[in-house]
Amino acid sequence: MDLAANFTVNSYEWMALGAAICWALGSLISAPASAHLGAFAFTRWRMTCAASMLWAVALVTGGWHSLPLSELWLLVLSGMIGILIGDTALFASMNRLGPRRAGVLFATHSMFSALLAYLFLGETLWGWTLVGCGLLVSGVMTAILFGKRACEQHHWEANSEQLASGIALGLLSALCQAVSTLMLKPLMETEIDAVAASAVRMSAALLCHLLLLWAGVKAARTLLPMDRKVFGMVAFNAFLSMGVGMTLILQALKHGDAGIVAMLSSVSPVVVVPLLWLVYKRRPAVGAFLGASLTVCGTVLILWH
């Protein structure tokens, strides 16, 4: 089968790449809103927007009829593991290690996914596809590790006092992301609607966040009041990252190998590189170019084979 035919047939791979692009675009506007509201409040508002959008679409299209009552617990559990625990662990890791090193640890979720898919779903990666996955993971980590100049290093990276706990939390966030996605693979292969499934996962995680707020947890409080500009950034991020992005991932799981989907969806740190260059007009570091090149080569090999 030639390259063009493979690109047409393997639409689930393009869905996974589309999710990565959505996450990359969403991340560009998340930092100002997160700093304004606080990490927990930002996540809570983002979930509220995303859940509202997803339920509106599910109600209009009738997708909510596809939700199996007997399997709702699986969607709820997936949302709590991936969104509640995973996101919280990632934010905590960033607070200890800085965004760059935490990003490297979170990028290991693709390898966790491939391993778990092999152990529990019987999926295997061989030949050029395996080589492509290796190049892709290497490229993502290279872009994160060496993609910034020394003058651009985050001030948190000078602090090594909480190194061990930061590493543990970063790996926990990656593991939660992998587990929460893979546990839905069998369910997504049924007739369940991906938008409705995303809505349930989002709502479950949102409820847990609200319980933290109502319980008086200090970290869950809003730092500064919401305004129109910040709400616009939150809503746009929610639409792209949690609405479109996560729905694309679940839809990709309907038709593709969970390990491949995880690998391709992990390239968002590389996608950010040209976007930052476009927005800030600043040439990326050599490491970013090298990482992007490895990632592109790996992606082409995966799509080709």
C-alpha atoms as a PDB file:
ATOM      1  CA  MET A   1       0.000   0.000   0.000  1.00  0.00           C
ATOM      2  CA  ASP A   2       1.459   3.397  -0.914  1.00  0.00           C
ATOM      3  CA  LEU A   3       1.887   6.409   1.351  1.00  0.00           C
ATOM      4  CA  ALA A   4      -1.157   8.330   0.127  1.00  0.00           C
ATOM      5  CA  ALA A   5      -3.417   5.327   0.597  1.00  0.00           C
ATOM      6  CA  ASN A   6      -2.152   4.818   4.140  1.00  0.00           C
ATOM      7  CA  PHE A   7      -2.782   8.481   4.963  1.00  0.00           C
ATOM      8  CA  THR A   8      -6.387   8.094   3.780  1.00  0.00           C
ATOM      9  CA  VAL A   9      -7.128   4.797   5.498  1.00  0.00           C
ATOM     10  CA  ASN A  10      -5.559   5.467   8.896  1.00  0.00           C
ATOM     11  CA  SER A  11      -7.810   8.360   9.844  1.00  0.00           C
ATOM     12  CA  TYR A  12      -7.528   7.536  13.540  1.00  0.00           C
ATOM     13  CA  GLU A  13      -3.853   8.479  13.402  1.00  0.00           C
ATOM     14  CA  TRP A  14      -4.777  11.893  12.037  1.00  0.00           C
ATOM     15  CA  MET A  15      -7.311  12.261  14.859  1.00  0.00           C
ATOM     16  CA  ALA A  16      -4.547  11.645  17.396  1.00  0.00           C
ATOM     17  CA  LEU A  17      -2.338  14.234  15.686  1.00  0.00           C
ATOM     18  CA  GLY A  18      -5.294  16.620  15.593  1.00  0.00           C
ATOM     19  CA  ALA A  19      -5.674  16.224  19.353  1.00  0.00           C
ATOM     20  CA  ALA A  20      -1.987  17.098  19.826  1.00  0.00           C
ATOM     21  CA  ILE A  21      -2.437  20.231  17.721  1.00  0.00           C
ATOM     22  CA  CYS A  22      -5.494  21.235  19.772  1.00  0.00           C
ATOM     23  CA  TRP A  23      -3.561  20.799  23.018  1.00  0.00           C
ATOM     24  CA  ALA A  24      -0.633  22.816  21.646  1.00  0.00           C
ATOM     25  CA  LEU A  25      -2.876  25.688  20.556  1.00  0.00           C
ATOM     26  CA  GLY A  26      -4.733  25.621  23.856  1.00  0.00           C
ATOM     27  CA  SER A  27      -1.512  25.720  25.876  1.00  0.00           C
ATOM     28  CA  LEU A  28      -0.489  29.022  24.291  1.00  0.00           C
ATOM     29  CA  ILE A  29      -3.288  30.868  26.057  1.00  0.00           C
ATOM     30  CA  SER A  30      -3.545  28.801  29.235  1.00  0.00           C
ATOM     31  CA  ALA A  31      -0.636  30.362  31.157  1.00  0.00           C
ATOM     32  CA  PRO A  32      -2.062  33.908  31.616  1.00  0.00           C
ATOM     33  CA  ALA A  33      -5.490  32.590  32.636  1.00  0.00           C
ATOM     34  CA  SER A  34      -3.992  30.008  35.003  1.00  0.00           C
ATOM     35  CA  ALA A  35      -1.791  32.633  36.655  1.00  0.00           C
ATOM     36  CA  HIS A  36      -4.810  34.943  37.046  1.00  0.00           C
ATOM     37  CA  LEU A  37      -7.214  32.378  38.518  1.00  0.00           C
ATOM     38  CA  GLY A  38      -4.819  29.876  40.070  1.00  0.00           C
ATOM     39  CA  ALA A  39      -4.175  26.367  38.777  1.00  0.00           C
ATOM     40  CA  PHE A  40      -7.135  24.686  40.491  1.00  0.00           C
ATOM     41  CA  ALA A  41      -9.602  27.471  39.708  1.00  0.00           C
ATOM     42  CA  PHE A  42      -8.436  27.598  36.100  1.00  0.00           C
ATOM     43  CA  THR A  43      -8.930  23.849  35.737  1.00  0.00           C
ATOM     44  CA  ARG A  44     -12.351  24.052  37.382  1.00  0.00           C
ATOM     45  CA  TRP A  45     -13.560  26.848  35.087  1.00  0.00           C
ATOM     46  CA  ARG A  46     -12.101  25.071  32.066  1.00  0.00           C
ATOM     47  CA  MET A  47     -13.945  21.874  32.980  1.00  0.00           C
ATOM     48  CA  THR A  48     -17.172  23.800  33.487  1.00  0.00           C
ATOM     49  CA  CYS A  49     -16.935  25.322  30.011  1.00  0.00           C
ATOM     50  CA  ALA A  50     -15.915  22.048  28.383  1.00  0.00           C
ATOM     51  CA  ALA A  51     -18.625  19.998  30.101  1.00  0.00           C
ATOM     52  CA  SER A  52     -21.290  22.554  29.111  1.00  0.00           C
ATOM     53  CA  MET A  53     -20.175  22.484  25.474  1.00  0.00           C
ATOM     54  CA  LEU A  54     -19.967  18.692  25.317  1.00  0.00           C
ATOM     55  CA  TRP A  55     -23.365  18.119  26.944  1.00  0.00           C
ATOM     56  CA  ALA A  56     -24.948  20.664  24.605  1.00  0.00           C
ATOM     57  CA  VAL A  57     -23.586  18.805  21.569  1.00  0.00           C
ATOM     58  CA  ALA A  58     -24.570  15.405  23.018  1.00  0.00           C
ATOM     59  CA  LEU A  59     -28.122  16.597  23.669  1.00  0.00           C
ATOM     60  CA  VAL A  60     -28.527  18.172  20.207  1.00  0.00           C
ATOM     61  CA  THR A  61     -27.110  15.162  18.339  1.00  0.00           C
ATOM     62  CA  GLY A  62     -28.745  12.577  20.575  1.00  0.00           C
ATOM     63  CA  GLY A  63     -25.371  11.068  21.418  1.00  0.00           C
ATOM     64  CA  TRP A  64     -26.322  10.766  25.080  1.00  0.00           C
ATOM     65  CA  HIS A  65     -28.667   7.910  24.117  1.00  0.00           C
ATOM     66  CA  SER A  66     -25.578   5.791  23.368  1.00  0.00           C
ATOM     67  CA  LEU A  67     -24.315   5.959  26.955  1.00  0.00           C
ATOM     68  CA  PRO A  68     -24.604   2.475  28.533  1.00  0.00           C
ATOM     69  CA  LEU A  69     -25.827   2.862  32.107  1.00  0.00           C
ATOM     70  CA  SER A  70     -23.944  -0.263  33.162  1.00  0.00           C
ATOM     71  CA  GLU A  71     -20.630   1.223  31.972  1.00  0.00           C
ATOM     72  CA  LEU A  72     -20.991   4.782  33.266  1.00  0.00           C
ATOM     73  CA  TRP A  73     -18.820   3.910  36.259  1.00  0.00           C
ATOM     74  CA  LEU A  74     -15.938   3.225  33.861  1.00  0.00           C
ATOM     75  CA  LEU A  75     -16.224   6.700  32.319  1.00  0.00           C
ATOM     76  CA  VAL A  76     -16.464   8.280  35.763  1.00  0.00           C
ATOM     77  CA  LEU A  77     -13.424   6.357  37.022  1.00  0.00           C
ATOM     78  CA  SER A  78     -11.469   7.275  33.896  1.00  0.00           C
ATOM     79  CA  GLY A  79     -12.257  10.957  34.398  1.00  0.00           C
ATOM     80  CA  MET A  80     -11.206  10.864  38.039  1.00  0.00           C
ATOM     81  CA  ILE A  81      -7.920   9.075  37.287  1.00  0.00           C
ATOM     82  CA  GLY A  82      -6.942  11.016  34.183  1.00  0.00           C
ATOM     83  CA  ILE A  83      -8.341  14.487  34.781  1.00  0.00           C
ATOM     84  CA  LEU A  84      -8.603  14.838  38.564  1.00  0.00           C
ATOM     85  CA  ILE A  85      -5.565  12.875  39.808  1.00  0.00           C
ATOM     86  CA  GLY A  86      -3.464  13.159  36.653  1.00  0.00           C
ATOM     87  CA  ASP A  87      -3.868  16.909  36.126  1.00  0.00           C
ATOM     88  CA  THR A  88      -3.424  17.658  39.822  1.00  0.00           C
ATOM     89  CA  ALA A  89      -0.220  15.595  39.963  1.00  0.00           C
ATOM     90  CA  LEU A  90       1.069  17.368  36.851  1.00  0.00           C
ATOM     91  CA  PHE A  91       0.465  20.823  38.360  1.00  0.00           C
ATOM     92  CA  ALA A  92       2.139  19.707  41.602  1.00  0.00           C
ATOM     93  CA  SER A  93       5.125  18.391  39.636  1.00  0.00           C
ATOM     94  CA  MET A  94       5.420  21.699  37.779  1.00  0.00           C
ATOM     95  CA  ASN A  95       5.455  23.561  41.100  1.00  0.00           C
ATOM     96  CA  ARG A  96       8.464  21.488  42.187  1.00  0.00           C
ATOM     97  CA  LEU A  97      10.417  21.011  38.972  1.00  0.00           C
ATOM     98  CA  GLY A  98       9.280  23.742  36.595  1.00  0.00           C
ATOM     99  CA  PRO A  99       7.292  23.244  33.389  1.00  0.00           C
ATOM    100  CA  ARG A 100      10.194  21.950  31.271  1.00  0.00           C
ATOM    101  CA  ARG A 101      11.269  19.030  33.450  1.00  0.00           C
ATOM    102  CA  ALA A 102       7.672  18.202  34.388  1.00  0.00           C
ATOM    103  CA  GLY A 103       6.857  18.177  30.673  1.00  0.00           C
ATOM    104  CA  VAL A 104       9.570  15.597  30.015  1.00  0.00           C
ATOM    105  CA  LEU A 105       8.153  13.332  32.711  1.00  0.00           C
ATOM    106  CA  PHE A 106       4.591  13.735  31.457  1.00  0.00           C
ATOM    107  CA  ALA A 107       5.729  12.874  27.919  1.00  0.00           C
ATOM    108  CA  THR A 108       6.475   9.358  29.187  1.00  0.00           C
ATOM    109  CA  HIS A 109       2.729   8.694  29.133  1.00  0.00           C
ATOM    110  CA  SER A 110       3.120   7.499  25.550  1.00  0.00           C
ATOM    111  CA  MET A 111       5.582   4.807  26.656  1.00  0.00           C
ATOM    112  CA  PHE A 112       3.355   3.836  29.577  1.00  0.00           C
ATOM    113  CA  SER A 113       0.468   3.535  27.122  1.00  0.00           C
ATOM    114  CA  ALA A 114       2.449   1.323  24.744  1.00  0.00           C
ATOM    115  CA  LEU A 115       3.519  -0.950  27.610  1.00  0.00           C
ATOM    116  CA  LEU A 116       0.030  -1.216  29.111  1.00  0.00           C
ATOM    117  CA  ALA A 117      -1.496  -1.794  25.677  1.00  0.00           C
ATOM    118  CA  TYR A 118       0.918  -4.683  25.190  1.00  0.00           C
ATOM    119  CA  LEU A 119       0.252  -6.191  28.621  1.00  0.00           C
ATOM    120  CA  PHE A 120      -3.531  -5.840  28.753  1.00  0.00           C
ATOM    121  CA  LEU A 121      -4.753  -5.356  25.171  1.00  0.00           C
ATOM    122  CA  GLY A 122      -2.280  -7.557  23.328  1.00  0.00           C
ATOM    123  CA  GLU A 123      -1.121  -4.722  21.062  1.00  0.00           C
ATOM    124  CA  THR A 124       2.429  -4.961  19.702  1.00  0.00           C
ATOM    125  CA  LEU A 125       4.720  -2.572  17.855  1.00  0.00           C
ATOM    126  CA  TRP A 126       7.163  -4.074  15.375  1.00  0.00           C
ATOM    127  CA  GLY A 127       9.385  -3.106  12.470  1.00  0.00           C
ATOM    128  CA  TRP A 128       9.378   0.418  11.108  1.00  0.00           C
ATOM    129  CA  THR A 129       6.409   1.362  13.297  1.00  0.00           C
ATOM    130  CA  LEU A 130       8.488   0.587  16.394  1.00  0.00           C
ATOM    131  CA  VAL A 131      11.389   2.611  14.968  1.00  0.00           C
ATOM    132  CA  GLY A 132       9.004   5.474  14.271  1.00  0.00           C
ATOM    133  CA  CYS A 133       7.676   5.397  17.837  1.00  0.00           C
ATOM    134  CA  GLY A 134      11.235   5.475  19.169  1.00  0.00           C
ATOM    135  CA  LEU A 135      12.118   8.479  17.027  1.00  0.00           C
ATOM    136  CA  LEU A 136       8.898  10.248  18.018  1.00  0.00           C
ATOM    137  CA  VAL A 137       9.430   9.819  21.773  1.00  0.00           C
ATOM    138  CA  SER A 138      13.104  10.797  21.438  1.00  0.00           C
ATOM    139  CA  GLY A 139      12.133  13.885  19.459  1.00  0.00           C
ATOM    140  CA  VAL A 140       9.519  15.016  21.966  1.00  0.00           C
ATOM    141  CA  MET A 141      11.896  14.669  24.903  1.00  0.00           C
ATOM    142  CA  THR A 142      14.759  16.322  23.022  1.00  0.00           C
ATOM    143  CA  ALA A 143      12.546  19.278  22.146  1.00  0.00           C
ATOM    144  CA  ILE A 144      11.517  19.686  25.788  1.00  0.00           C
ATOM    145  CA  LEU A 145      14.935  19.079  27.372  1.00  0.00           C
ATOM    146  CA  PHE A 146      17.065  21.096  24.955  1.00  0.00           C
ATOM    147  CA  GLY A 147      14.465  23.357  23.378  1.00  0.00           C
ATOM    148  CA  LYS A 148      15.274  26.424  25.487  1.00  0.00           C
ATOM    149  CA  ARG A 149      18.343  28.578  25.826  1.00  0.00           C
ATOM    150  CA  ALA A 150      20.061  28.867  29.198  1.00  0.00           C
ATOM    151  CA  CYS A 151      18.648  32.370  29.718  1.00  0.00           C
ATOM    152  CA  GLU A 152      15.113  31.028  29.274  1.00  0.00           C
ATOM    153  CA  GLN A 153      15.236  28.382  32.013  1.00  0.00           C
ATOM    154  CA  HIS A 154      12.431  28.587  34.542  1.00  0.00           C
ATOM    155  CA  HIS A 155      13.451  29.876  37.988  1.00  0.00           C
ATOM    156  CA  TRP A 156      11.929  26.788  39.639  1.00  0.00           C
ATOM    157  CA  GLU A 157      14.561  24.630  37.975  1.00  0.00           C
ATOM    158  CA  ALA A 158      17.231  26.059  40.273  1.00  0.00           C
ATOM    159  CA  ASN A 159      15.457  24.424  43.236  1.00  0.00           C
ATOM    160  CA  SER A 160      16.330  20.757  43.768  1.00  0.00           C
ATOM    161  CA  GLU A 161      14.988  20.405  47.304  1.00  0.00           C
ATOM    162  CA  GLN A 162      11.806  18.680  46.138  1.00  0.00           C
ATOM    163  CA  LEU A 163      13.359  16.807  43.226  1.00  0.00           C
ATOM    164  CA  ALA A 164      12.305  13.308  44.296  1.00  0.00           C
ATOM    165  CA  SER A 165       8.683  14.219  44.997  1.00  0.00           C
ATOM    166  CA  GLY A 166       8.509  16.236  41.778  1.00  0.00           C
ATOM    167  CA  ILE A 167       9.745  13.288  39.716  1.00  0.00           C
ATOM    168  CA  ALA A 168       7.303  10.943  41.435  1.00  0.00           C
ATOM    169  CA  LEU A 169       4.372  13.287  40.803  1.00  0.00           C
ATOM    170  CA  GLY A 170       5.376  13.801  37.154  1.00  0.00           C
ATOM    171  CA  LEU A 171       5.526  10.051  36.538  1.00  0.00           C
ATOM    172  CA  LEU A 172       2.219   9.623  38.394  1.00  0.00           C
ATOM    173  CA  SER A 173       0.558  12.152  36.088  1.00  0.00           C
ATOM    174  CA  ALA A 174       1.889  10.302  33.028  1.00  0.00           C
ATOM    175  CA  LEU A 175       0.730   6.939  34.376  1.00  0.00           C
ATOM    176  CA  CYS A 176      -2.736   8.305  35.166  1.00  0.00           C
ATOM    177  CA  GLN A 177      -3.035   9.727  31.652  1.00  0.00           C
ATOM    178  CA  ALA A 178      -2.105   6.357  30.147  1.00  0.00           C
ATOM    179  CA  VAL A 179      -4.372   4.303  32.427  1.00  0.00           C
ATOM    180  CA  SER A 180      -7.397   6.590  32.053  1.00  0.00           C
ATOM    181  CA  THR A 181      -7.189   6.462  28.262  1.00  0.00           C
ATOM    182  CA  LEU A 182      -6.454   2.758  27.849  1.00  0.00           C
ATOM    183  CA  MET A 183      -9.178   1.616  30.224  1.00  0.00           C
ATOM    184  CA  LEU A 184     -11.712   3.114  27.790  1.00  0.00           C
ATOM    185  CA  LYS A 185     -10.402   1.285  24.712  1.00  0.00           C
ATOM    186  CA  PRO A 186     -12.847  -1.686  24.910  1.00  0.00           C
ATOM    187  CA  LEU A 187     -15.775   0.636  25.648  1.00  0.00           C
ATOM    188  CA  MET A 188     -14.935   3.012  22.797  1.00  0.00           C
ATOM    189  CA  GLU A 189     -14.999   0.108  20.329  1.00  0.00           C
ATOM    190  CA  THR A 190     -18.766  -0.158  20.930  1.00  0.00           C
ATOM    191  CA  GLU A 191     -21.407   2.231  19.563  1.00  0.00           C
ATOM    192  CA  ILE A 192     -20.880   4.777  22.331  1.00  0.00           C
ATOM    193  CA  ASP A 193     -20.707   8.410  21.215  1.00  0.00           C
ATOM    194  CA  ALA A 194     -17.272   9.980  21.817  1.00  0.00           C
ATOM    195  CA  VAL A 195     -18.724  13.425  22.634  1.00  0.00           C
ATOM    196  CA  ALA A 196     -21.116  12.011  25.227  1.00  0.00           C
ATOM    197  CA  ALA A 197     -18.330   9.896  26.728  1.00  0.00           C
ATOM    198  CA  SER A 198     -16.117  12.989  27.026  1.00  0.00           C
ATOM    199  CA  ALA A 199     -18.985  14.851  28.692  1.00  0.00           C
ATOM    200  CA  VAL A 200     -19.358  12.170  31.379  1.00  0.00           C
ATOM    201  CA  ARG A 201     -15.608  12.076  32.095  1.00  0.00           C
ATOM    202  CA  MET A 202     -15.451  15.854  32.304  1.00  0.00           C
ATOM    203  CA  SER A 203     -18.496  16.095  34.565  1.00  0.00           C
ATOM    204  CA  ALA A 204     -17.135  13.496  36.993  1.00  0.00           C
ATOM    205  CA  ALA A 205     -13.810  15.330  37.335  1.00  0.00           C
ATOM    206  CA  LEU A 206     -15.606  18.688  37.651  1.00  0.00           C
ATOM    207  CA  LEU A 207     -17.764  17.374  40.488  1.00  0.00           C
ATOM    208  CA  CYS A 208     -14.655  16.287  42.385  1.00  0.00           C
ATOM    209  CA  HIS A 209     -13.099  19.727  41.885  1.00  0.00           C
ATOM    210  CA  LEU A 210     -16.276  21.387  43.174  1.00  0.00           C
ATOM    211  CA  LEU A 211     -16.233  19.147  46.247  1.00  0.00           C
ATOM    212  CA  LEU A 212     -12.690  20.333  46.973  1.00  0.00           C
ATOM    213  CA  LEU A 213     -13.859  23.942  46.683  1.00  0.00           C
ATOM    214  CA  TRP A 214     -16.919  23.387  48.875  1.00  0.00           C
ATOM    215  CA  ALA A 215     -14.761  21.596  51.444  1.00  0.00           C
ATOM    216  CA  GLY A 216     -12.743  24.781  51.841  1.00  0.00           C
ATOM    217  CA  VAL A 217      -9.457  23.520  50.402  1.00  0.00           C
ATOM    218  CA  LYS A 218      -7.240  26.600  50.161  1.00  0.00           C
ATOM    219  CA  ALA A 219      -5.570  25.590  46.877  1.00  0.00           C
ATOM    220  CA  ALA A 220      -8.967  25.322  45.182  1.00  0.00           C
ATOM    221  CA  ARG A 221      -9.865  28.969  45.765  1.00  0.00           C
ATOM    222  CA  THR A 222      -9.762  31.577  43.006  1.00  0.00           C
ATOM    223  CA  LEU A 223      -6.797  33.960  43.232  1.00  0.00           C
ATOM    224  CA  LEU A 224      -8.269  36.868  41.266  1.00  0.00           C
ATOM    225  CA  PRO A 225     -11.866  37.393  40.106  1.00  0.00           C
ATOM    226  CA  MET A 226     -12.932  36.272  36.652  1.00  0.00           C
ATOM    227  CA  ASP A 227     -13.237  38.939  33.940  1.00  0.00           C
ATOM    228  CA  ARG A 228     -14.312  38.846  30.283  1.00  0.00           C
ATOM    229  CA  LYS A 229     -10.819  38.546  28.861  1.00  0.00           C
ATOM    230  CA  VAL A 230      -9.817  35.699  31.149  1.00  0.00           C
ATOM    231  CA  PHE A 231     -13.131  33.918  30.602  1.00  0.00           C
ATOM    232  CA  GLY A 232     -12.595  34.138  26.846  1.00  0.00           C
ATOM    233  CA  MET A 233      -9.170  32.492  27.209  1.00  0.00           C
ATOM    234  CA  VAL A 234     -10.582  29.793  29.494  1.00  0.00           C
ATOM    235  CA  ALA A 235     -13.497  29.051  27.163  1.00  0.00           C
ATOM    236  CA  PHE A 236     -11.269  28.886  24.079  1.00  0.00           C
ATOM    237  CA  ASN A 237      -8.831  26.578  25.877  1.00  0.00           C
ATOM    238  CA  ALA A 238     -11.705  24.391  27.065  1.00  0.00           C
ATOM    239  CA  PHE A 239     -13.142  24.141  23.552  1.00  0.00           C
ATOM    240  CA  LEU A 240      -9.827  23.201  21.937  1.00  0.00           C
ATOM    241  CA  SER A 241      -8.060  21.132  24.594  1.00  0.00           C
ATOM    242  CA  MET A 242     -10.793  19.407  26.561  1.00  0.00           C
ATOM    243  CA  GLY A 243     -13.660  19.538  24.083  1.00  0.00           C
ATOM    244  CA  VAL A 244     -12.193  18.856  20.641  1.00  0.00           C
ATOM    245  CA  GLY A 245      -8.866  17.348  21.765  1.00  0.00           C
ATOM    246  CA  MET A 246     -10.163  14.716  24.192  1.00  0.00           C
ATOM    247  CA  THR A 247     -13.087  13.838  21.917  1.00  0.00           C
ATOM    248  CA  LEU A 248     -10.651  13.227  19.053  1.00  0.00           C
ATOM    249  CA  ILE A 249      -8.634  10.905  21.290  1.00  0.00           C
ATOM    250  CA  LEU A 250     -11.696   8.883  22.267  1.00  0.00           C
ATOM    251  CA  GLN A 251     -12.832   8.723  18.644  1.00  0.00           C
ATOM    252  CA  ALA A 252      -9.356   7.561  17.597  1.00  0.00           C
ATOM    253  CA  LEU A 253      -9.537   4.762  20.166  1.00  0.00           C
ATOM    254  CA  LYS A 254     -12.599   3.427  18.363  1.00  0.00           C
ATOM    255  CA  HIS A 255     -10.556   2.502  15.316  1.00  0.00           C
ATOM    256  CA  GLY A 256      -6.867   2.436  16.220  1.00  0.00           C
ATOM    257  CA  ASP A 257      -4.286   0.851  18.494  1.00  0.00           C
ATOM    258  CA  ALA A 258      -4.178   2.554  21.864  1.00  0.00           C
ATOM    259  CA  GLY A 259      -0.368   2.626  21.878  1.00  0.00           C
ATOM    260  CA  ILE A 260      -0.134   4.362  18.500  1.00  0.00           C
ATOM    261  CA  VAL A 261      -2.834   6.861  19.472  1.00  0.00           C
ATOM    262  CA  ALA A 262      -0.934   7.719  22.652  1.00  0.00           C
ATOM    263  CA  MET A 263       2.352   8.107  20.769  1.00  0.00           C
ATOM    264  CA  LEU A 264       0.947  10.449  18.139  1.00  0.00           C
ATOM    265  CA  SER A 265      -1.036  12.520  20.620  1.00  0.00           C
ATOM    266  CA  SER A 266       2.137  13.142  22.670  1.00  0.00           C
ATOM    267  CA  VAL A 267       3.734  15.416  20.047  1.00  0.00           C
ATOM    268  CA  SER A 268       2.046  18.600  21.304  1.00  0.00           C
ATOM    269  CA  PRO A 269       5.271  19.942  22.938  1.00  0.00           C
ATOM    270  CA  VAL A 270       6.877  19.804  19.482  1.00  0.00           C
ATOM    271  CA  VAL A 271       3.888  21.435  17.779  1.00  0.00           C
ATOM    272  CA  VAL A 272       4.264  24.339  20.216  1.00  0.00           C
ATOM    273  CA  VAL A 273       7.763  25.122  18.859  1.00  0.00           C
ATOM    274  CA  PRO A 274       6.721  26.674  15.501  1.00  0.00           C
ATOM    275  CA  LEU A 275       3.681  28.265  17.135  1.00  0.00           C
ATOM    276  CA  LEU A 276       5.886  30.088  19.652  1.00  0.00           C
ATOM    277  CA  TRP A 277       8.209  31.157  16.833  1.00  0.00           C
ATOM    278  CA  LEU A 278       5.214  32.520  14.925  1.00  0.00           C
ATOM    279  CA  VAL A 279       3.746  34.354  17.911  1.00  0.00           C
ATOM    280  CA  TYR A 280       6.878  35.730  19.589  1.00  0.00           C
ATOM    281  CA  LYS A 281       9.079  36.073  16.470  1.00  0.00           C
ATOM    282  CA  ARG A 282      11.987  34.423  18.290  1.00  0.00           C
ATOM    283  CA  ARG A 283      14.043  31.693  16.687  1.00  0.00           C
ATOM    284  CA  PRO A 284      13.868  28.428  18.710  1.00  0.00           C
ATOM    285  CA  ALA A 285      17.007  26.838  20.138  1.00  0.00           C
ATOM    286  CA  VAL A 286      18.913  24.201  18.151  1.00  0.00           C
ATOM    287  CA  GLY A 287      17.576  21.469  20.448  1.00  0.00           C
ATOM    288  CA  ALA A 288      14.009  22.384  19.495  1.00  0.00           C
ATOM    289  CA  PHE A 289      14.811  22.014  15.803  1.00  0.00           C
ATOM    290  CA  LEU A 290      16.530  18.666  16.389  1.00  0.00           C
ATOM    291  CA  GLY A 291      13.649  17.374  18.481  1.00  0.00           C
ATOM    292  CA  ALA A 292      11.092  18.531  15.937  1.00  0.00           C
ATOM    293  CA  SER A 293      13.023  16.835  13.120  1.00  0.00           C
ATOM    294  CA  LEU A 294      13.165  13.515  14.987  1.00  0.00           C
ATOM    295  CA  THR A 295       9.463  13.757  15.802  1.00  0.00           C
ATOM    296  CA  VAL A 296       8.497  14.457  12.190  1.00  0.00           C
ATOM    297  CA  CYS A 297      10.579  11.498  10.975  1.00  0.00           C
ATOM    298  CA  GLY A 298       9.002   9.223  13.564  1.00  0.00           C
ATOM    299  CA  THR A 299       5.495  10.419  12.739  1.00  0.00           C
ATOM    300  CA  VAL A 300       6.002   9.810   9.019  1.00  0.00           C
ATOM    301  CA  LEU A 301       7.233   6.264   9.683  1.00  0.00           C
ATOM    302  CA  ILE A 302       4.189   5.546  11.878  1.00  0.00           C
ATOM    303  CA  LEU A 303       1.748   6.922   9.314  1.00  0.00           C
ATOM    304  CA  TRP A 304       3.511   5.157   6.466  1.00  0.00           C
ATOM    305  CA  HIS A 305       3.446   1.759   8.139  1.00  0.00           C
END
